[in-house]
Amino acid sequence: MTSLLDVPEVSECAKEPWDPKIELLFREARRRQRQRRIRRTFAVAAVVAITLAAIGFGMSSVGSSATKSPATPPVITSHDAAVLTCSGTTVVRPQSLVITCADANTLLKATHWTSWGAGGATGTATFAMNLCTPYCAASPITYFPHSSVSLSAPISSRHGSYFSRLVVRYRQGSAIKTFAFSWREGTSR
């Protein structure tokens, strides 16, 4: 009696004659597959790099005067107080400003400053806030145009003189509401 181990197995390749054209086709297929992998890797790397650059640009311009208007230059003078941005720098007369840096759920956009001095600043802006209904992650940002903004209580710090208090009055439906925020040295926003 013979077992299966005693019978030599004949492979499919040994049964038919070897064709060099098939081998060339397999090599070409492997080469093309490697090229596709390389292209995909570079495409993914490019998308990641562009995304990170956009995020970095957005984070560096958020809270600062990204668009400089000749009527309201963001130049800090020795007698003016400034606003502390999320990046720890100070700006004067920012057109946009992220107020709550940790989640960016509260910000000012399209701000027009009517007065700016060492003691305080006033203006109007589109106030944007996440109302967190039903909860913050599912809630979109709500915009309140024509909101009044005031900055006050300048303090001196290693960043220079900056306003430590912000008050925004905005209309939600028929009600006028107030949002107040304070910056303090050494606290993260």
N, C-alpha and C. Protein backbone atom coordinates (compact mmCIF):
# COMPACT_ATOMS: atom_id res chain seq x y z
N MET A 1 0.83 -1.16 0.00
CA MET A 1 0.00 0.00 0.00
C MET A 1 0.89 1.24 0.00
N THR A 2 0.57 2.16 -0.83
CA THR A 2 1.35 3.39 -0.91
C THR A 2 0.59 4.52 -0.26
N SER A 3 1.33 5.39 0.35
CA SER A 3 0.68 6.55 0.97
C SER A 3 0.79 7.74 0.03
N LEU A 4 0.10 8.77 0.40
CA LEU A 4 0.14 10.00 -0.41
C LEU A 4 1.52 10.63 -0.39
N LEU A 5 2.27 10.36 0.65
CA LEU A 5 3.60 10.93 0.74
C LEU A 5 4.56 10.29 -0.25
N ASP A 6 4.29 9.08 -0.64
CA ASP A 6 5.19 8.39 -1.56
C ASP A 6 4.97 8.79 -3.01
N VAL A 7 3.80 9.38 -3.32
CA VAL A 7 3.50 9.73 -4.70
C VAL A 7 4.04 11.13 -4.98
N PRO A 8 4.90 11.27 -5.95
CA PRO A 8 5.41 12.62 -6.26
C PRO A 8 4.30 13.44 -6.89
N GLU A 9 4.19 14.69 -6.38
CA GLU A 9 3.16 15.58 -6.91
C GLU A 9 3.72 16.36 -8.08
N VAL A 10 2.95 16.49 -9.10
CA VAL A 10 3.37 17.22 -10.29
C VAL A 10 2.67 18.57 -10.27
N SER A 11 3.45 19.62 -10.33
CA SER A 11 2.87 20.96 -10.30
C SER A 11 2.30 21.32 -11.65
N GLU A 12 1.46 22.36 -11.64
CA GLU A 12 0.83 22.81 -12.89
C GLU A 12 1.89 23.33 -13.86
N CYS A 13 2.92 23.98 -13.33
CA CYS A 13 3.96 24.52 -14.20
C CYS A 13 4.73 23.41 -14.90
N ALA A 14 4.91 22.29 -14.22
CA ALA A 14 5.67 21.19 -14.81
C ALA A 14 4.86 20.47 -15.87
N LYS A 15 3.55 20.56 -15.78
CA LYS A 15 2.71 19.88 -16.75
C LYS A 15 2.74 20.59 -18.09
N GLU A 16 2.81 21.95 -18.06
CA GLU A 16 2.79 22.70 -19.30
C GLU A 16 4.14 23.33 -19.54
N PRO A 17 4.46 23.58 -20.77
CA PRO A 17 5.76 24.22 -21.04
C PRO A 17 5.76 25.68 -20.52
N TRP A 18 6.92 26.12 -20.06
CA TRP A 18 7.08 27.47 -19.50
C TRP A 18 7.06 28.48 -20.63
N ASP A 19 6.32 29.61 -20.40
CA ASP A 19 6.19 30.63 -21.45
C ASP A 19 6.86 31.91 -20.94
N PRO A 20 7.92 32.37 -21.60
CA PRO A 20 8.60 33.59 -21.15
C PRO A 20 7.72 34.83 -21.27
N LYS A 21 6.73 34.85 -22.13
CA LYS A 21 5.84 36.00 -22.26
C LYS A 21 5.01 36.19 -21.00
N ILE A 22 4.59 35.10 -20.40
CA ILE A 22 3.81 35.17 -19.15
C ILE A 22 4.67 35.75 -18.03
N GLU A 23 5.92 35.31 -17.98
CA GLU A 23 6.83 35.85 -16.96
C GLU A 23 6.99 37.36 -17.15
N LEU A 24 7.11 37.83 -18.37
CA LEU A 24 7.22 39.27 -18.63
C LEU A 24 5.95 40.00 -18.20
N LEU A 25 4.81 39.39 -18.46
CA LEU A 25 3.55 40.01 -18.05
C LEU A 25 3.47 40.13 -16.53
N PHE A 26 3.90 39.09 -15.81
CA PHE A 26 3.90 39.15 -14.34
C PHE A 26 4.84 40.23 -13.82
N ARG A 27 6.03 40.33 -14.42
CA ARG A 27 6.98 41.37 -14.01
C ARG A 27 6.41 42.76 -14.24
N GLU A 28 5.80 42.96 -15.41
CA GLU A 28 5.19 44.24 -15.74
C GLU A 28 4.06 44.57 -14.77
N ALA A 29 3.25 43.60 -14.42
CA ALA A 29 2.15 43.82 -13.47
C ALA A 29 2.69 44.21 -12.10
N ARG A 30 3.76 43.55 -11.64
CA ARG A 30 4.35 43.90 -10.34
C ARG A 30 4.95 45.31 -10.39
N ARG A 31 5.60 45.66 -11.51
CA ARG A 31 6.18 47.01 -11.64
C ARG A 31 5.09 48.08 -11.59
N ARG A 32 4.00 47.85 -12.30
CA ARG A 32 2.90 48.82 -12.29
C ARG A 32 2.27 48.92 -10.91
N GLN A 33 2.16 47.81 -10.21
CA GLN A 33 1.59 47.83 -8.86
C GLN A 33 2.48 48.66 -7.93
N ARG A 34 3.80 48.49 -8.04
CA ARG A 34 4.72 49.29 -7.22
C ARG A 34 4.57 50.78 -7.54
N GLN A 35 4.45 51.11 -8.83
CA GLN A 35 4.28 52.51 -9.22
C GLN A 35 2.98 53.09 -8.66
N ARG A 36 1.90 52.31 -8.70
CA ARG A 36 0.63 52.79 -8.13
C ARG A 36 0.77 53.03 -6.63
N ARG A 37 1.45 52.13 -5.93
CA ARG A 37 1.66 52.32 -4.48
C ARG A 37 2.45 53.58 -4.21
N ILE A 38 3.49 53.80 -4.99
CA ILE A 38 4.32 54.99 -4.80
C ILE A 38 3.50 56.25 -5.07
N ARG A 39 2.72 56.26 -6.17
CA ARG A 39 1.88 57.43 -6.47
C ARG A 39 0.87 57.67 -5.36
N ARG A 40 0.23 56.60 -4.88
CA ARG A 40 -0.74 56.75 -3.79
C ARG A 40 -0.08 57.30 -2.53
N THR A 41 1.11 56.79 -2.21
CA THR A 41 1.82 57.27 -1.02
C THR A 41 2.14 58.75 -1.15
N PHE A 42 2.65 59.17 -2.32
CA PHE A 42 2.94 60.59 -2.52
C PHE A 42 1.68 61.44 -2.50
N ALA A 43 0.59 60.93 -3.05
CA ALA A 43 -0.67 61.68 -3.04
C ALA A 43 -1.17 61.86 -1.61
N VAL A 44 -1.12 60.81 -0.81
CA VAL A 44 -1.56 60.92 0.59
C VAL A 44 -0.65 61.87 1.35
N ALA A 45 0.66 61.76 1.12
CA ALA A 45 1.60 62.66 1.79
C ALA A 45 1.35 64.12 1.40
N ALA A 46 1.04 64.35 0.12
CA ALA A 46 0.76 65.72 -0.33
C ALA A 46 -0.52 66.25 0.31
N VAL A 47 -1.55 65.44 0.38
CA VAL A 47 -2.80 65.87 1.01
C VAL A 47 -2.57 66.18 2.49
N VAL A 48 -1.82 65.33 3.17
CA VAL A 48 -1.53 65.58 4.59
C VAL A 48 -0.72 66.86 4.75
N ALA A 49 0.27 67.07 3.91
CA ALA A 49 1.09 68.27 4.00
C ALA A 49 0.27 69.53 3.74
N ILE A 50 -0.60 69.48 2.73
CA ILE A 50 -1.44 70.64 2.43
C ILE A 50 -2.41 70.91 3.57
N THR A 51 -2.99 69.85 4.11
CA THR A 51 -3.92 70.01 5.23
C THR A 51 -3.22 70.61 6.44
N LEU A 52 -2.05 70.08 6.77
CA LEU A 52 -1.32 70.61 7.92
C LEU A 52 -0.90 72.06 7.68
N ALA A 53 -0.50 72.37 6.47
CA ALA A 53 -0.13 73.76 6.16
C ALA A 53 -1.34 74.67 6.29
N ALA A 54 -2.49 74.22 5.82
CA ALA A 54 -3.71 75.03 5.92
C ALA A 54 -4.11 75.22 7.38
N ILE A 55 -4.00 74.17 8.16
CA ILE A 55 -4.33 74.27 9.59
C ILE A 55 -3.34 75.21 10.27
N GLY A 56 -2.07 75.05 9.95
CA GLY A 56 -1.06 75.94 10.54
C GLY A 56 -1.28 77.39 10.16
N PHE A 57 -1.63 77.63 8.89
CA PHE A 57 -1.90 78.99 8.44
C PHE A 57 -3.15 79.52 9.13
N GLY A 58 -4.17 78.69 9.23
CA GLY A 58 -5.41 79.11 9.88
C GLY A 58 -5.19 79.43 11.34
N MET A 59 -4.40 78.60 12.02
CA MET A 59 -4.15 78.83 13.44
C MET A 59 -3.30 80.07 13.65
N SER A 60 -2.37 80.34 12.74
CA SER A 60 -1.55 81.52 12.93
C SER A 60 -2.31 82.80 12.61
N SER A 61 -3.32 82.72 11.75
CA SER A 61 -4.06 83.92 11.40
C SER A 61 -5.30 84.10 12.25
N VAL A 62 -5.77 83.03 12.91
CA VAL A 62 -6.95 83.14 13.77
C VAL A 62 -6.57 83.96 14.98
N GLY A 63 -7.39 84.90 15.30
CA GLY A 63 -7.13 85.73 16.47
C GLY A 63 -6.20 86.89 16.17
N SER A 64 -5.80 87.03 14.97
CA SER A 64 -4.96 88.17 14.62
C SER A 64 -5.60 88.87 13.43
N SER A 65 -5.03 89.96 13.08
CA SER A 65 -5.55 90.69 11.94
C SER A 65 -4.94 90.12 10.68
N ALA A 66 -5.60 89.11 10.11
CA ALA A 66 -5.08 88.47 8.91
C ALA A 66 -5.24 89.38 7.70
N THR A 67 -6.31 90.14 7.66
CA THR A 67 -6.54 91.06 6.56
C THR A 67 -6.33 92.46 7.11
N LYS A 68 -5.34 93.13 6.60
CA LYS A 68 -5.00 94.44 7.14
C LYS A 68 -5.75 95.52 6.36
N SER A 69 -6.51 96.29 7.08
CA SER A 69 -7.25 97.38 6.48
C SER A 69 -6.47 98.67 6.70
N PRO A 70 -6.33 99.51 5.69
CA PRO A 70 -5.58 100.74 5.88
C PRO A 70 -6.23 101.66 6.90
N ALA A 71 -7.55 101.55 7.12
CA ALA A 71 -8.21 102.42 8.09
C ALA A 71 -7.96 101.96 9.52
N THR A 72 -7.66 100.69 9.71
CA THR A 72 -7.44 100.17 11.06
C THR A 72 -6.18 99.32 11.09
N PRO A 73 -5.01 99.92 11.05
CA PRO A 73 -3.79 99.13 11.01
C PRO A 73 -3.54 98.42 12.35
N PRO A 74 -3.11 97.15 12.32
CA PRO A 74 -2.84 96.43 13.56
C PRO A 74 -1.44 96.69 14.07
N VAL A 75 -1.09 97.95 14.24
CA VAL A 75 0.23 98.31 14.71
C VAL A 75 0.12 98.68 16.18
N ILE A 76 0.97 98.10 16.99
CA ILE A 76 0.94 98.38 18.41
C ILE A 76 1.82 99.60 18.68
N THR A 77 1.23 100.59 19.31
CA THR A 77 1.99 101.75 19.72
C THR A 77 2.15 101.70 21.23
N SER A 78 3.05 102.47 21.75
CA SER A 78 3.36 102.38 23.17
C SER A 78 2.19 102.81 24.06
N HIS A 79 1.28 103.67 23.57
CA HIS A 79 0.19 104.14 24.42
C HIS A 79 -1.10 103.35 24.23
N ASP A 80 -1.16 102.47 23.24
CA ASP A 80 -2.35 101.67 23.01
C ASP A 80 -2.25 100.32 23.71
N ALA A 81 -3.38 99.88 24.22
CA ALA A 81 -3.45 98.50 24.71
C ALA A 81 -3.81 97.64 23.51
N ALA A 82 -3.61 96.35 23.64
CA ALA A 82 -3.85 95.42 22.54
C ALA A 82 -4.77 94.30 23.03
N VAL A 83 -4.96 93.33 22.18
CA VAL A 83 -5.74 92.14 22.53
C VAL A 83 -4.81 90.95 22.48
N LEU A 84 -4.92 90.07 23.44
CA LEU A 84 -4.10 88.86 23.49
C LEU A 84 -4.74 87.79 22.63
N THR A 85 -3.97 87.24 21.67
CA THR A 85 -4.50 86.21 20.77
C THR A 85 -4.22 84.83 21.33
N CYS A 86 -4.75 83.83 20.67
CA CYS A 86 -4.55 82.44 21.09
C CYS A 86 -3.09 82.02 21.03
N SER A 87 -2.33 82.62 20.14
CA SER A 87 -0.93 82.25 20.00
C SER A 87 -0.04 82.99 21.00
N GLY A 88 -0.62 83.84 21.85
CA GLY A 88 0.16 84.55 22.87
C GLY A 88 0.72 85.87 22.39
N THR A 89 0.37 86.28 21.18
CA THR A 89 0.82 87.57 20.68
C THR A 89 -0.28 88.60 20.93
N THR A 90 0.07 89.86 20.78
CA THR A 90 -0.92 90.91 20.94
C THR A 90 -1.13 91.62 19.62
N VAL A 91 -2.38 92.03 19.38
CA VAL A 91 -2.71 92.77 18.16
C VAL A 91 -3.61 93.93 18.53
N VAL A 92 -3.57 94.95 17.69
CA VAL A 92 -4.42 96.11 17.84
C VAL A 92 -5.45 96.07 16.73
N ARG A 93 -6.70 96.35 17.06
CA ARG A 93 -7.80 96.41 16.10
C ARG A 93 -7.92 95.16 15.22
N PRO A 94 -8.01 93.97 15.80
CA PRO A 94 -8.14 92.78 14.95
C PRO A 94 -9.50 92.74 14.27
N GLN A 95 -9.53 92.30 13.03
CA GLN A 95 -10.80 92.15 12.33
C GLN A 95 -11.49 90.85 12.72
N SER A 96 -10.70 89.84 13.07
CA SER A 96 -11.27 88.59 13.59
C SER A 96 -10.47 88.18 14.81
N LEU A 97 -11.15 87.55 15.75
CA LEU A 97 -10.51 87.17 17.00
C LEU A 97 -11.21 85.96 17.59
N VAL A 98 -10.45 84.90 17.82
CA VAL A 98 -10.99 83.74 18.52
C VAL A 98 -10.95 84.08 20.01
N ILE A 99 -12.09 83.98 20.65
CA ILE A 99 -12.18 84.35 22.06
C ILE A 99 -11.84 83.15 22.94
N THR A 100 -12.46 82.02 22.67
CA THR A 100 -12.20 80.81 23.46
C THR A 100 -11.27 79.91 22.66
N CYS A 101 -10.00 79.95 22.99
CA CYS A 101 -8.98 79.26 22.19
C CYS A 101 -9.06 77.74 22.30
N ALA A 102 -9.45 77.21 23.43
CA ALA A 102 -9.44 75.76 23.62
C ALA A 102 -10.33 75.05 22.62
N ASP A 103 -11.50 75.62 22.32
CA ASP A 103 -12.43 74.94 21.42
C ASP A 103 -12.85 75.80 20.23
N ALA A 104 -12.45 77.06 20.18
CA ALA A 104 -12.80 78.00 19.12
C ALA A 104 -14.31 78.08 18.93
N ASN A 105 -15.05 77.94 20.01
CA ASN A 105 -16.51 77.98 19.95
C ASN A 105 -17.08 79.39 20.08
N THR A 106 -16.22 80.39 20.30
CA THR A 106 -16.68 81.77 20.43
C THR A 106 -15.66 82.66 19.72
N LEU A 107 -16.14 83.51 18.80
CA LEU A 107 -15.20 84.37 18.08
C LEU A 107 -15.89 85.61 17.54
N LEU A 108 -15.08 86.58 17.16
CA LEU A 108 -15.54 87.80 16.51
C LEU A 108 -15.08 87.77 15.06
N LYS A 109 -15.95 88.20 14.15
CA LYS A 109 -15.62 88.26 12.73
C LYS A 109 -16.06 89.62 12.19
N ALA A 110 -15.41 90.06 11.14
CA ALA A 110 -15.77 91.30 10.44
C ALA A 110 -15.94 92.46 11.43
N THR A 111 -14.97 92.59 12.31
CA THR A 111 -15.05 93.61 13.36
C THR A 111 -14.67 94.98 12.80
N HIS A 112 -15.47 95.98 13.16
CA HIS A 112 -15.19 97.37 12.79
C HIS A 112 -15.07 98.14 14.10
N TRP A 113 -13.88 98.63 14.38
CA TRP A 113 -13.63 99.35 15.63
C TRP A 113 -13.93 100.83 15.44
N THR A 114 -14.83 101.38 16.26
CA THR A 114 -15.16 102.80 16.17
C THR A 114 -14.26 103.64 17.06
N SER A 115 -13.73 103.03 18.13
CA SER A 115 -12.76 103.74 18.97
C SER A 115 -11.76 102.73 19.52
N TRP A 116 -10.53 103.22 19.71
CA TRP A 116 -9.48 102.35 20.25
C TRP A 116 -8.48 103.24 20.96
N GLY A 117 -8.27 102.99 22.23
CA GLY A 117 -7.33 103.79 22.99
C GLY A 117 -6.72 102.98 24.11
N ALA A 118 -5.91 103.66 24.92
CA ALA A 118 -5.22 102.96 26.01
C ALA A 118 -6.19 102.46 27.08
N GLY A 119 -7.34 103.12 27.23
CA GLY A 119 -8.28 102.73 28.28
C GLY A 119 -9.36 101.78 27.84
N GLY A 120 -9.64 101.71 26.54
CA GLY A 120 -10.71 100.82 26.09
C GLY A 120 -10.93 100.92 24.59
N ALA A 121 -11.78 100.04 24.10
CA ALA A 121 -12.09 100.02 22.67
C ALA A 121 -13.55 99.60 22.50
N THR A 122 -14.20 100.16 21.47
CA THR A 122 -15.57 99.78 21.16
C THR A 122 -15.70 99.58 19.66
N GLY A 123 -16.68 98.77 19.30
CA GLY A 123 -16.92 98.53 17.89
C GLY A 123 -18.11 97.61 17.68
N THR A 124 -18.29 97.20 16.44
CA THR A 124 -19.34 96.25 16.09
C THR A 124 -18.69 95.08 15.36
N ALA A 125 -19.35 93.92 15.47
CA ALA A 125 -18.80 92.72 14.85
C ALA A 125 -19.91 91.71 14.63
N THR A 126 -19.58 90.69 13.88
CA THR A 126 -20.44 89.51 13.82
C THR A 126 -19.91 88.59 14.89
N PHE A 127 -20.71 88.40 15.92
CA PHE A 127 -20.35 87.54 17.04
C PHE A 127 -20.77 86.12 16.68
N ALA A 128 -19.87 85.17 16.82
CA ALA A 128 -20.15 83.78 16.48
C ALA A 128 -19.95 82.93 17.72
N MET A 129 -20.93 82.06 17.99
CA MET A 129 -20.86 81.25 19.20
C MET A 129 -21.55 79.91 18.96
N ASN A 130 -20.97 78.87 19.53
CA ASN A 130 -21.59 77.55 19.51
C ASN A 130 -22.56 77.52 20.69
N LEU A 131 -23.85 77.37 20.40
CA LEU A 131 -24.86 77.38 21.46
C LEU A 131 -24.96 76.03 22.17
N CYS A 132 -24.27 75.02 21.66
CA CYS A 132 -24.18 73.69 22.29
C CYS A 132 -25.55 73.05 22.51
N THR A 133 -26.42 73.12 21.49
CA THR A 133 -27.69 72.42 21.58
C THR A 133 -27.80 71.43 20.44
N PRO A 134 -28.01 70.20 20.63
CA PRO A 134 -28.24 69.53 21.91
C PRO A 134 -26.95 69.36 22.72
N TYR A 135 -25.79 69.29 22.05
CA TYR A 135 -24.51 69.29 22.74
C TYR A 135 -23.48 69.92 21.78
N CYS A 136 -22.36 70.35 22.33
CA CYS A 136 -21.41 71.18 21.57
C CYS A 136 -20.90 70.52 20.30
N ALA A 137 -20.59 69.24 20.34
CA ALA A 137 -20.03 68.59 19.16
C ALA A 137 -21.03 68.52 18.01
N ALA A 138 -22.32 68.48 18.33
CA ALA A 138 -23.35 68.37 17.28
C ALA A 138 -23.94 69.70 16.88
N SER A 139 -23.56 70.75 17.57
CA SER A 139 -24.15 72.06 17.33
C SER A 139 -23.28 72.89 16.39
N PRO A 140 -23.88 73.54 15.40
CA PRO A 140 -23.10 74.42 14.52
C PRO A 140 -22.87 75.78 15.20
N ILE A 141 -21.95 76.53 14.66
CA ILE A 141 -21.71 77.89 15.13
C ILE A 141 -22.89 78.76 14.69
N THR A 142 -23.41 79.58 15.61
CA THR A 142 -24.50 80.51 15.30
C THR A 142 -23.90 81.91 15.21
N TYR A 143 -24.29 82.67 14.19
CA TYR A 143 -23.73 84.00 13.96
C TYR A 143 -24.76 85.07 14.34
N PHE A 144 -24.27 86.10 15.05
CA PHE A 144 -25.10 87.21 15.48
C PHE A 144 -24.49 88.50 14.91
N PRO A 145 -24.96 88.95 13.74
CA PRO A 145 -24.39 90.15 13.13
C PRO A 145 -24.78 91.41 13.92
N HIS A 146 -24.05 92.45 13.71
CA HIS A 146 -24.31 93.77 14.31
C HIS A 146 -24.28 93.72 15.83
N SER A 147 -23.36 92.94 16.39
CA SER A 147 -23.20 92.86 17.85
C SER A 147 -22.26 93.97 18.29
N SER A 148 -22.50 94.52 19.47
CA SER A 148 -21.61 95.55 19.98
C SER A 148 -20.51 94.90 20.82
N VAL A 149 -19.29 95.41 20.66
CA VAL A 149 -18.12 94.84 21.32
C VAL A 149 -17.43 95.94 22.10
N SER A 150 -17.03 95.61 23.33
CA SER A 150 -16.22 96.57 24.08
C SER A 150 -15.10 95.83 24.79
N LEU A 151 -13.93 96.44 24.76
CA LEU A 151 -12.75 95.94 25.45
C LEU A 151 -12.40 96.94 26.54
N SER A 152 -11.98 96.44 27.71
CA SER A 152 -11.65 97.34 28.81
C SER A 152 -10.66 96.67 29.76
N ALA A 153 -10.37 97.34 30.83
CA ALA A 153 -9.49 96.88 31.90
C ALA A 153 -8.10 96.47 31.39
N PRO A 154 -7.35 97.45 30.83
CA PRO A 154 -6.01 97.10 30.35
C PRO A 154 -5.09 96.72 31.51
N ILE A 155 -4.26 95.73 31.28
CA ILE A 155 -3.26 95.32 32.27
C ILE A 155 -1.92 95.23 31.57
N SER A 156 -0.86 95.35 32.34
CA SER A 156 0.50 95.23 31.81
C SER A 156 1.02 93.85 32.11
N SER A 157 1.73 93.29 31.14
CA SER A 157 2.29 91.96 31.31
C SER A 157 3.54 91.84 30.48
N ARG A 158 4.08 90.64 30.42
CA ARG A 158 5.26 90.40 29.58
C ARG A 158 4.91 90.58 28.11
N HIS A 159 3.62 90.54 27.77
CA HIS A 159 3.17 90.75 26.39
C HIS A 159 2.96 92.23 26.09
N GLY A 160 3.15 93.08 27.07
CA GLY A 160 2.86 94.49 26.92
C GLY A 160 1.52 94.79 27.58
N SER A 161 0.90 95.87 27.19
CA SER A 161 -0.39 96.26 27.75
C SER A 161 -1.49 95.66 26.87
N TYR A 162 -2.42 94.92 27.50
CA TYR A 162 -3.53 94.37 26.73
C TYR A 162 -4.81 94.44 27.54
N PHE A 163 -5.93 94.45 26.82
CA PHE A 163 -7.23 94.50 27.46
C PHE A 163 -7.53 93.14 28.09
N SER A 164 -8.04 93.17 29.32
CA SER A 164 -8.30 91.91 30.01
C SER A 164 -9.79 91.58 30.07
N ARG A 165 -10.64 92.47 29.59
CA ARG A 165 -12.08 92.22 29.66
C ARG A 165 -12.73 92.50 28.32
N LEU A 166 -13.62 91.58 27.91
CA LEU A 166 -14.38 91.70 26.66
C LEU A 166 -15.85 91.53 27.00
N VAL A 167 -16.67 92.42 26.48
CA VAL A 167 -18.13 92.30 26.63
C VAL A 167 -18.75 92.43 25.25
N VAL A 168 -19.60 91.45 24.90
CA VAL A 168 -20.31 91.47 23.62
C VAL A 168 -21.80 91.47 23.93
N ARG A 169 -22.51 92.39 23.30
CA ARG A 169 -23.97 92.43 23.41
C ARG A 169 -24.53 92.05 22.04
N TYR A 170 -25.37 91.01 22.05
CA TYR A 170 -25.90 90.50 20.79
C TYR A 170 -27.39 90.20 20.94
N ARG A 171 -28.07 90.15 19.81
CA ARG A 171 -29.50 89.89 19.80
C ARG A 171 -29.74 88.45 19.37
N GLN A 172 -30.46 87.71 20.22
CA GLN A 172 -30.87 86.35 19.90
C GLN A 172 -32.39 86.33 19.92
N GLY A 173 -32.96 86.30 18.73
CA GLY A 173 -34.42 86.44 18.63
C GLY A 173 -34.79 87.86 19.02
N SER A 174 -35.69 88.00 19.98
CA SER A 174 -36.08 89.33 20.44
C SER A 174 -35.32 89.75 21.69
N ALA A 175 -34.53 88.84 22.25
CA ALA A 175 -33.81 89.14 23.50
C ALA A 175 -32.40 89.66 23.20
N ILE A 176 -31.97 90.64 23.99
CA ILE A 176 -30.60 91.12 23.91
C ILE A 176 -29.83 90.44 25.03
N LYS A 177 -28.75 89.77 24.65
CA LYS A 177 -27.95 89.00 25.60
C LYS A 177 -26.56 89.59 25.70
N THR A 178 -25.86 89.23 26.77
CA THR A 178 -24.51 89.71 27.01
C THR A 178 -23.57 88.53 27.20
N PHE A 179 -22.44 88.60 26.53
CA PHE A 179 -21.37 87.61 26.70
C PHE A 179 -20.17 88.36 27.26
N ALA A 180 -19.62 87.90 28.37
CA ALA A 180 -18.46 88.55 28.99
C ALA A 180 -17.32 87.54 29.09
N PHE A 181 -16.11 88.04 28.89
CA PHE A 181 -14.93 87.17 28.94
C PHE A 181 -13.77 87.96 29.52
N SER A 182 -12.91 87.28 30.29
CA SER A 182 -11.74 87.93 30.88
C SER A 182 -10.47 87.17 30.52
N TRP A 183 -9.43 87.91 30.17
CA TRP A 183 -8.10 87.35 29.96
C TRP A 183 -7.27 87.68 31.17
N ARG A 184 -6.49 86.75 31.63
CA ARG A 184 -5.57 86.98 32.74
C ARG A 184 -4.20 86.43 32.36
N GLU A 185 -3.16 87.05 32.83
CA GLU A 185 -1.79 86.61 32.57
C GLU A 185 -1.60 85.21 33.12
N GLY A 186 -1.02 84.35 32.29
CA GLY A 186 -0.70 83.00 32.73
C GLY A 186 -1.83 82.00 32.60
N THR A 187 -3.01 82.44 32.20
CA THR A 187 -4.11 81.49 32.02
C THR A 187 -4.26 81.18 30.55
N SER A 188 -4.56 79.94 30.26
CA SER A 188 -4.79 79.58 28.87
C SER A 188 -6.26 79.78 28.56
N ARG A 189 -6.52 80.14 27.30
CA ARG A 189 -7.91 80.39 26.94
C ARG A 189 -8.44 79.20 26.25
